[in-house]
Amino acid sequence: MPELPEVETIKRVIEPQIQGLTIQHVTVKRPEVTAYPAAREFCGRLTGQTISHLTRRGKFLSVHLDSGDRMILHLRMTGCLLITPAGCPEEKHTHVIFSLNSGKELRFSDTRRFGRFWLLGKDEADTYSGIRKLGAEPLDEELTAAYLSSRLGKRRKAIKECLLDQHIIAGIGNIYSDEILFTAGIYPARPANSLNMDEWEQLTAVIPERISFFIDTNRITPEDYLETKGQDYRNTPYLQVYGQAGKPCPKCGETLCRIVVGGRSSVYCPACQKDSG
């Protein structure tokens, strides 16, 4: 699933290519992808609208229109956005096509069909997408040790599970929670209520540092992004523990271990991230 660094990469690649363009036609091939409103109204309301800019909130993307309307998208597990020439062959699971006045198309494909669109009017409250329920952004000043400890300090859940809670921190998933906890030296299955204030401070320093690092390593040109169908996220060589079970720890050489925390795979170093019991 694309996490915050991947979604930010998509925003940075796509936005300059569609900013200021007009949507001439919208084709929805799978009506369930447009969660609100229904596909016919979704297409009708977007036709003729001009794109102002894109924003990201957690793992959500919002396409803002000159009218004040906004189209929200969540990619979920396998969603992908591409800008292609109109005559370019479509990806197999292409579900929505926005034809632009530049002669290009903004296409949404999704193998597992979990991704969703919402279209909201200028002054319409967003009671549909779930953005309003998101917690602090990893790069915002709101994310402090006091913030985390006040919301997580009494929880018995594993700290790994807590980092995945989008109501607390927006945008972190399975990959970057492993990377964050490794850098912070915290065992992923450790109960959140066992962390002390120094460790909350450590987390609030590591979270933005790691997220910023992986946004930077994900940088890709529009040409390479299109050539690789939006799937070439370049952070893989920089992952220290995620997906590396059985390999030596990059810090101490100890063999990295895999456990399951809250139903999710988690990799850690038993020497650098000691289980306090």
Protein backbone atom coordinates (compact mmCIF):
# COMPACT_ATOMS: atom_id res chain seq x y z
CA MET A 1 0.00 0.00 0.00
CA PRO A 2 1.34 3.47 -0.81
CA GLU A 3 2.22 5.29 2.40
CA LEU A 4 2.85 9.00 2.95
CA PRO A 5 6.21 9.19 1.09
CA GLU A 6 4.75 7.41 -1.96
CA VAL A 7 1.60 9.54 -2.00
CA GLU A 8 3.72 12.69 -1.68
CA THR A 9 5.82 11.46 -4.62
CA ILE A 10 2.68 10.98 -6.72
CA LYS A 11 1.52 14.49 -5.83
CA ARG A 12 4.85 16.04 -6.81
CA VAL A 13 4.96 14.16 -10.13
CA ILE A 14 1.32 14.63 -11.14
CA GLU A 15 0.56 18.18 -9.96
CA PRO A 16 2.82 20.12 -12.38
CA GLN A 17 1.43 18.11 -15.30
CA ILE A 18 -2.26 18.85 -14.65
CA GLN A 19 -2.24 22.26 -12.96
CA GLY A 20 -4.29 24.78 -14.94
CA LEU A 21 -5.76 22.17 -17.30
CA THR A 22 -9.46 21.67 -17.97
CA ILE A 23 -11.23 18.33 -17.64
CA GLN A 24 -13.03 17.83 -20.95
CA HIS A 25 -14.53 14.42 -20.30
CA VAL A 26 -14.62 11.79 -17.54
CA THR A 27 -15.03 8.05 -18.10
CA VAL A 28 -15.84 5.81 -15.14
CA LYS A 29 -15.55 2.12 -15.98
CA ARG A 30 -16.23 0.78 -12.51
CA PRO A 31 -19.01 2.80 -10.79
CA GLU A 32 -18.10 1.58 -7.29
CA VAL A 33 -14.82 3.53 -7.51
CA THR A 34 -16.73 6.81 -7.20
CA ALA A 35 -17.91 6.57 -3.62
CA TYR A 36 -19.65 9.98 -3.69
CA PRO A 37 -21.58 11.11 -5.66
CA ALA A 38 -22.79 8.38 -8.03
CA ALA A 39 -20.76 7.93 -11.21
CA ARG A 40 -23.11 9.81 -13.56
CA GLU A 41 -23.21 12.93 -11.35
CA PHE A 42 -19.47 12.61 -10.63
CA CYS A 43 -18.67 12.76 -14.35
CA GLY A 44 -21.15 15.53 -15.08
CA ARG A 45 -19.98 17.83 -12.33
CA LEU A 46 -16.30 17.46 -13.23
CA THR A 47 -16.70 18.04 -16.95
CA GLY A 48 -15.54 21.54 -17.88
CA GLN A 49 -13.81 22.19 -14.55
CA THR A 50 -10.26 23.54 -14.38
CA ILE A 51 -7.66 22.07 -12.03
CA SER A 52 -6.12 24.52 -9.57
CA HIS A 53 -3.69 22.43 -7.49
CA LEU A 54 -3.20 19.21 -5.51
CA THR A 55 -2.79 18.69 -1.79
CA ARG A 56 -1.98 15.67 0.35
CA ARG A 57 -3.33 14.79 3.79
CA GLY A 58 -2.02 11.54 5.23
CA LYS A 59 -2.50 9.01 2.42
CA PHE A 60 -5.25 11.07 0.72
CA LEU A 61 -4.82 13.23 -2.37
CA SER A 62 -7.14 16.15 -3.11
CA VAL A 63 -7.52 17.73 -6.55
CA HIS A 64 -8.69 21.31 -6.01
CA LEU A 65 -10.67 22.95 -8.81
CA ASP A 66 -10.97 26.61 -9.73
CA SER A 67 -14.67 26.51 -8.81
CA GLY A 68 -13.80 25.65 -5.20
CA ASP A 69 -14.93 22.05 -5.62
CA ARG A 70 -12.46 19.36 -4.64
CA MET A 71 -12.00 15.74 -5.68
CA ILE A 72 -10.53 13.48 -2.99
CA LEU A 73 -8.78 10.20 -3.73
CA HIS A 74 -7.50 7.38 -1.55
CA LEU A 75 -5.32 4.89 -3.43
CA ARG A 76 -5.75 2.15 -0.80
CA MET A 77 -3.62 -0.91 -1.53
CA THR A 78 -2.95 -0.90 -5.28
CA GLY A 79 -4.28 2.38 -6.68
CA CYS A 80 -2.13 4.29 -9.18
CA LEU A 81 -2.37 7.62 -11.01
CA LEU A 82 -0.73 8.14 -14.40
CA ILE A 83 -0.58 11.02 -16.89
CA THR A 84 -0.45 9.56 -20.40
CA PRO A 85 -0.96 10.65 -24.00
CA ALA A 86 -4.56 10.00 -25.03
CA GLY A 87 -3.57 7.24 -27.47
CA CYS A 88 -1.38 5.33 -25.01
CA PRO A 89 -2.62 1.76 -24.31
CA GLU A 90 -4.50 1.55 -21.03
CA GLU A 91 -3.30 -0.43 -18.06
CA LYS A 92 -5.34 -3.60 -17.51
CA HIS A 93 -7.19 -2.35 -14.44
CA THR A 94 -7.87 1.25 -15.50
CA HIS A 95 -11.16 2.35 -13.89
CA VAL A 96 -11.35 6.14 -14.32
CA ILE A 97 -10.06 8.37 -17.14
CA PHE A 98 -10.00 12.17 -17.03
CA SER A 99 -9.51 13.57 -20.55
CA LEU A 100 -7.66 16.91 -20.38
CA ASN A 101 -7.49 19.81 -22.83
CA SER A 102 -3.73 19.23 -23.23
CA GLY A 103 -4.41 16.06 -25.22
CA LYS A 104 -3.32 13.91 -22.29
CA GLU A 105 -5.29 11.81 -19.82
CA LEU A 106 -5.15 11.40 -16.07
CA ARG A 107 -5.83 7.72 -15.48
CA PHE A 108 -6.60 5.83 -12.30
CA SER A 109 -5.89 2.11 -12.22
CA ASP A 110 -6.34 -0.26 -9.30
CA THR A 111 -5.82 -4.03 -9.42
CA ARG A 112 -7.74 -4.77 -6.22
CA ARG A 113 -10.38 -2.05 -6.75
CA PHE A 114 -10.27 -0.70 -3.17
CA GLY A 115 -9.34 2.88 -4.16
CA ARG A 116 -12.12 5.49 -3.93
CA PHE A 117 -13.01 8.99 -5.19
CA TRP A 118 -15.19 11.61 -3.50
CA LEU A 119 -16.29 14.88 -5.15
CA LEU A 120 -17.30 17.68 -2.81
CA GLY A 121 -18.81 21.07 -3.61
CA LYS A 122 -17.19 24.39 -2.72
CA ASP A 123 -18.74 24.74 0.73
CA GLU A 124 -19.75 21.11 1.25
CA ALA A 125 -18.62 19.51 4.51
CA ASP A 126 -16.58 16.36 4.06
CA THR A 127 -18.53 13.73 5.95
CA TYR A 128 -17.58 11.01 3.48
CA SER A 129 -13.86 10.45 2.97
CA GLY A 130 -12.61 10.26 6.57
CA ILE A 131 -9.99 13.01 6.23
CA ARG A 132 -11.51 14.92 9.13
CA LYS A 133 -10.68 12.03 11.47
CA LEU A 134 -6.97 11.96 10.68
CA GLY A 135 -4.39 12.70 13.34
CA ALA A 136 -1.27 14.85 13.17
CA GLU A 137 0.89 14.95 10.06
CA PRO A 138 4.37 13.46 10.66
CA LEU A 139 5.99 16.68 9.44
CA ASP A 140 3.80 19.11 11.40
CA GLU A 141 4.78 20.90 14.59
CA GLU A 142 1.68 19.42 16.22
CA LEU A 143 3.51 16.10 16.48
CA THR A 144 5.24 16.45 19.85
CA ALA A 145 6.17 14.09 22.67
CA ALA A 146 3.33 15.57 24.71
CA TYR A 147 0.89 14.91 21.86
CA LEU A 148 1.93 11.25 21.51
CA SER A 149 2.12 10.49 25.21
CA SER A 150 -1.27 12.06 25.90
CA ARG A 151 -2.94 9.95 23.21
CA LEU A 152 -0.94 6.74 23.45
CA GLY A 153 0.66 6.76 26.87
CA LYS A 154 -2.12 4.77 28.53
CA ARG A 155 -2.65 2.23 25.77
CA ARG A 156 -1.68 -1.38 26.23
CA LYS A 157 -1.49 -1.92 22.47
CA ALA A 158 1.90 -2.51 20.87
CA ILE A 159 3.62 0.70 19.82
CA LYS A 160 3.78 -0.65 16.25
CA GLU A 161 -0.02 -0.85 16.15
CA CYS A 162 -0.31 2.64 17.58
CA LEU A 163 1.91 4.12 14.87
CA LEU A 164 -0.45 2.63 12.28
CA ASP A 165 -3.48 4.35 13.83
CA GLN A 166 -4.37 7.06 11.31
CA HIS A 167 -6.41 8.88 13.96
CA ILE A 168 -3.15 9.55 15.84
CA ILE A 169 -0.58 10.01 13.07
CA ALA A 170 -1.63 10.31 9.44
CA GLY A 171 0.25 8.51 6.69
CA ILE A 172 2.43 5.91 8.42
CA GLY A 173 1.95 2.28 7.38
CA ASN A 174 3.67 -1.05 7.83
CA ILE A 175 6.87 -0.14 6.01
CA TYR A 176 7.75 3.09 7.74
CA SER A 177 6.60 2.05 11.20
CA ASP A 178 9.28 -0.66 11.06
CA GLU A 179 11.88 1.85 9.88
CA ILE A 180 10.90 4.42 12.53
CA LEU A 181 10.98 1.94 15.42
CA PHE A 182 14.34 0.55 14.30
CA THR A 183 15.90 4.02 14.16
CA ALA A 184 14.38 4.87 17.55
CA GLY A 185 15.61 1.58 19.07
CA ILE A 186 12.14 0.52 20.27
CA TYR A 187 10.86 -3.06 20.15
CA PRO A 188 7.74 -3.07 17.91
CA ALA A 189 5.59 -5.28 20.19
CA ARG A 190 6.29 -3.20 23.29
CA PRO A 191 3.12 -1.80 24.94
CA ALA A 192 2.75 1.91 24.31
CA ASN A 193 2.08 2.53 28.02
CA SER A 194 5.58 1.29 28.86
CA LEU A 195 7.36 4.07 26.98
CA ASN A 196 8.88 6.88 29.04
CA MET A 197 8.99 10.55 28.07
CA ASP A 198 12.53 10.29 26.70
CA GLU A 199 11.33 7.58 24.32
CA TRP A 200 8.34 9.69 23.23
CA GLU A 201 10.81 12.50 22.56
CA GLN A 202 12.95 10.11 20.55
CA LEU A 203 9.96 9.05 18.46
CA THR A 204 8.91 12.61 17.72
CA ALA A 205 12.44 13.32 16.47
CA VAL A 206 12.73 10.14 14.41
CA ILE A 207 9.28 10.18 12.74
CA PRO A 208 9.71 13.41 10.72
CA GLU A 209 13.37 12.62 10.00
CA ARG A 210 12.58 9.19 8.53
CA ILE A 211 9.51 10.36 6.61
CA SER A 212 11.46 13.30 5.12
CA PHE A 213 14.33 10.98 4.23
CA PHE A 214 12.09 8.58 2.33
CA ILE A 215 10.27 11.40 0.54
CA ASP A 216 13.68 12.56 -0.68
CA THR A 217 14.83 9.10 -1.76
CA ASN A 218 11.57 8.61 -3.67
CA ARG A 219 12.30 11.51 -6.05
CA ILE A 220 11.62 10.51 -9.66
CA THR A 221 11.22 12.31 -12.97
CA PRO A 222 7.81 12.33 -14.70
CA GLU A 223 9.37 10.37 -17.56
CA ASP A 224 10.67 7.59 -15.30
CA TYR A 225 7.41 7.59 -13.35
CA LEU A 226 5.39 6.98 -16.53
CA GLU A 227 7.86 4.43 -17.90
CA THR A 228 7.62 2.36 -14.70
CA LYS A 229 3.81 2.80 -14.50
CA GLY A 230 4.10 4.69 -11.23
CA GLN A 231 5.47 1.67 -9.39
CA ASP A 232 9.18 2.51 -9.14
CA TYR A 233 9.44 3.83 -5.60
CA ARG A 234 13.13 4.34 -5.07
CA ASN A 235 13.32 3.97 -1.32
CA THR A 236 13.73 0.17 -1.42
CA PRO A 237 17.56 0.17 -1.31
CA TYR A 238 17.39 2.48 1.72
CA LEU A 239 15.09 0.31 3.86
CA GLN A 240 17.08 -0.90 6.84
CA VAL A 241 14.75 -3.53 8.30
CA TYR A 242 11.42 -3.76 6.48
CA GLY A 243 11.43 -6.93 4.38
CA GLN A 244 14.95 -7.77 5.55
CA ALA A 245 14.25 -10.61 8.01
CA GLY A 246 17.14 -13.07 8.21
CA LYS A 247 19.70 -10.51 7.06
CA PRO A 248 22.29 -8.85 9.32
CA CYS A 249 21.33 -5.67 11.14
CA PRO A 250 22.91 -2.66 9.39
CA LYS A 251 23.93 -1.28 12.78
CA CYS A 252 25.25 -4.23 14.78
CA GLY A 253 25.26 -7.28 12.49
CA GLU A 254 22.76 -9.28 14.54
CA THR A 255 20.26 -11.29 12.47
CA LEU A 256 17.02 -9.37 11.91
CA CYS A 257 13.89 -11.13 13.15
CA ARG A 258 10.29 -11.18 11.94
CA ILE A 259 7.28 -11.20 14.25
CA VAL A 260 3.58 -10.53 13.79
CA VAL A 261 2.19 -7.51 15.64
CA GLY A 262 -1.52 -6.82 15.43
CA GLY A 263 -1.80 -9.08 12.42
CA ARG A 264 0.97 -7.25 10.55
CA SER A 265 4.44 -8.49 9.78
CA SER A 266 7.18 -6.60 11.60
CA VAL A 267 10.96 -6.86 11.30
CA TYR A 268 13.33 -5.72 14.05
CA CYS A 269 16.81 -6.21 15.48
CA PRO A 270 16.81 -8.18 18.74
CA ALA A 271 20.00 -6.41 19.86
CA CYS A 272 19.18 -2.81 18.89
CA GLN A 273 15.48 -3.10 19.81
CA LYS A 274 15.52 -5.17 22.95
CA ASP A 275 12.32 -6.78 24.17
CA SER A 276 11.93 -5.44 27.71
CA GLY A 277 9.64 -8.34 28.57
